[in-house]
């Protein structure tokens, strides 16, 4: 494998690791914010009712 292909592969792996960590930390942050700081259970943040409520608040004029 040439040097440039190795470099590109290493950079893609770094980007993928960053994206996975970002997504995991985003979900952990949602759970901490909703369950730890807020009034609900941490796993309820992923429920349909919560997101419908949030969207209805954002769509108010």
C-alpha atoms as a PDB file:
ATOM      1  CA  UNK A   1       0.000   0.000   0.000  1.00  0.00           C
ATOM      2  CA  UNK A   2       1.332   3.424  -0.838  1.00  0.00           C
ATOM      3  CA  UNK A   3       2.048   6.085   1.741  1.00  0.00           C
ATOM      4  CA  UNK A   4      -0.861   8.294   0.676  1.00  0.00           C
ATOM      5  CA  UNK A   5      -3.384   5.451   0.969  1.00  0.00           C
ATOM      6  CA  UNK A   6      -2.145   4.674   4.481  1.00  0.00           C
ATOM      7  CA  UNK A   7      -2.462   8.334   5.397  1.00  0.00           C
ATOM      8  CA  UNK A   8      -5.997   8.548   4.024  1.00  0.00           C
ATOM      9  CA  UNK A   9      -7.046   5.399   5.860  1.00  0.00           C
ATOM     10  CA  UNK A  10      -5.598   6.708   9.134  1.00  0.00           C
ATOM     11  CA  UNK A  11      -7.435   9.991   8.709  1.00  0.00           C
ATOM     12  CA  UNK A  12     -10.729   8.227   7.943  1.00  0.00           C
ATOM     13  CA  UNK A  13     -10.324   6.079  11.047  1.00  0.00           C
ATOM     14  CA  UNK A  14      -9.739   9.215  13.119  1.00  0.00           C
ATOM     15  CA  UNK A  15     -12.868  10.828  11.685  1.00  0.00           C
ATOM     16  CA  UNK A  16     -14.947   7.702  12.356  1.00  0.00           C
ATOM     17  CA  UNK A  17     -13.686   7.489  15.938  1.00  0.00           C
ATOM     18  CA  UNK A  18     -14.540  11.158  16.421  1.00  0.00           C
ATOM     19  CA  UNK A  19     -18.067  10.675  15.051  1.00  0.00           C
ATOM     20  CA  UNK A  20     -18.721   7.627  17.225  1.00  0.00           C
ATOM     21  CA  UNK A  21     -17.458   9.442  20.336  1.00  0.00           C
ATOM     22  CA  UNK A  22     -19.548  12.489  19.452  1.00  0.00           C
ATOM     23  CA  UNK A  23     -22.718  10.415  19.128  1.00  0.00           C
ATOM     24  CA  UNK A  24     -22.070   8.476  22.344  1.00  0.00           C
ATOM     25  CA  UNK A  25     -21.317  11.636  24.316  1.00  0.00           C
ATOM     26  CA  UNK A  26     -24.378  13.354  22.851  1.00  0.00           C
ATOM     27  CA  UNK A  27     -26.636  10.549  24.065  1.00  0.00           C
ATOM     28  CA  UNK A  28     -24.923  10.462  27.463  1.00  0.00           C
ATOM     29  CA  UNK A  29     -25.408  14.225  27.732  1.00  0.00           C
ATOM     30  CA  UNK A  30     -29.094  13.892  26.898  1.00  0.00           C
ATOM     31  CA  UNK A  31     -29.488  11.236  29.560  1.00  0.00           C
ATOM     32  CA  UNK A  32     -27.638  13.254  32.195  1.00  0.00           C
ATOM     33  CA  UNK A  33     -29.566  16.396  31.369  1.00  0.00           C
ATOM     34  CA  UNK A  34     -32.980  14.752  31.384  1.00  0.00           C
ATOM     35  CA  UNK A  35     -32.470  12.224  34.154  1.00  0.00           C
ATOM     36  CA  UNK A  36     -29.848  13.784  36.382  1.00  0.00           C
ATOM     37  CA  UNK A  37     -30.688  17.457  36.177  1.00  0.00           C
ATOM     38  CA  UNK A  38     -34.312  17.169  35.107  1.00  0.00           C
ATOM     39  CA  UNK A  39     -37.245  15.360  36.665  1.00  0.00           C
ATOM     40  CA  UNK A  40     -37.470  12.258  34.467  1.00  0.00           C
ATOM     41  CA  UNK A  41     -35.777   8.917  34.201  1.00  0.00           C
ATOM     42  CA  UNK A  42     -32.628   8.979  32.096  1.00  0.00           C
ATOM     43  CA  UNK A  43     -33.936   6.469  29.547  1.00  0.00           C
ATOM     44  CA  UNK A  44     -37.199   8.368  29.020  1.00  0.00           C
ATOM     45  CA  UNK A  45     -35.364  11.022  27.021  1.00  0.00           C
ATOM     46  CA  UNK A  46     -35.509   8.722  23.998  1.00  0.00           C
ATOM     47  CA  UNK A  47     -39.297   8.320  24.173  1.00  0.00           C
ATOM     48  CA  UNK A  48     -41.583   9.596  21.449  1.00  0.00           C
ATOM     49  CA  UNK A  49     -43.700  11.674  23.853  1.00  0.00           C
ATOM     50  CA  UNK A  50     -40.738  13.726  25.049  1.00  0.00           C
ATOM     51  CA  UNK A  51     -39.680  14.659  21.537  1.00  0.00           C
ATOM     52  CA  UNK A  52     -43.225  15.470  20.438  1.00  0.00           C
ATOM     53  CA  UNK A  53     -43.515  17.791  23.432  1.00  0.00           C
ATOM     54  CA  UNK A  54     -40.201  19.491  22.611  1.00  0.00           C
ATOM     55  CA  UNK A  55     -41.142  19.924  18.951  1.00  0.00           C
ATOM     56  CA  UNK A  56     -44.518  21.377  19.904  1.00  0.00           C
ATOM     57  CA  UNK A  57     -42.748  23.960  22.098  1.00  0.00           C
ATOM     58  CA  UNK A  58     -40.358  24.875  19.293  1.00  0.00           C
ATOM     59  CA  UNK A  59     -43.175  25.248  16.745  1.00  0.00           C
ATOM     60  CA  UNK A  60     -45.162  27.757  18.796  1.00  0.00           C
ATOM     61  CA  UNK A  61     -45.358  31.235  17.304  1.00  0.00           C
END
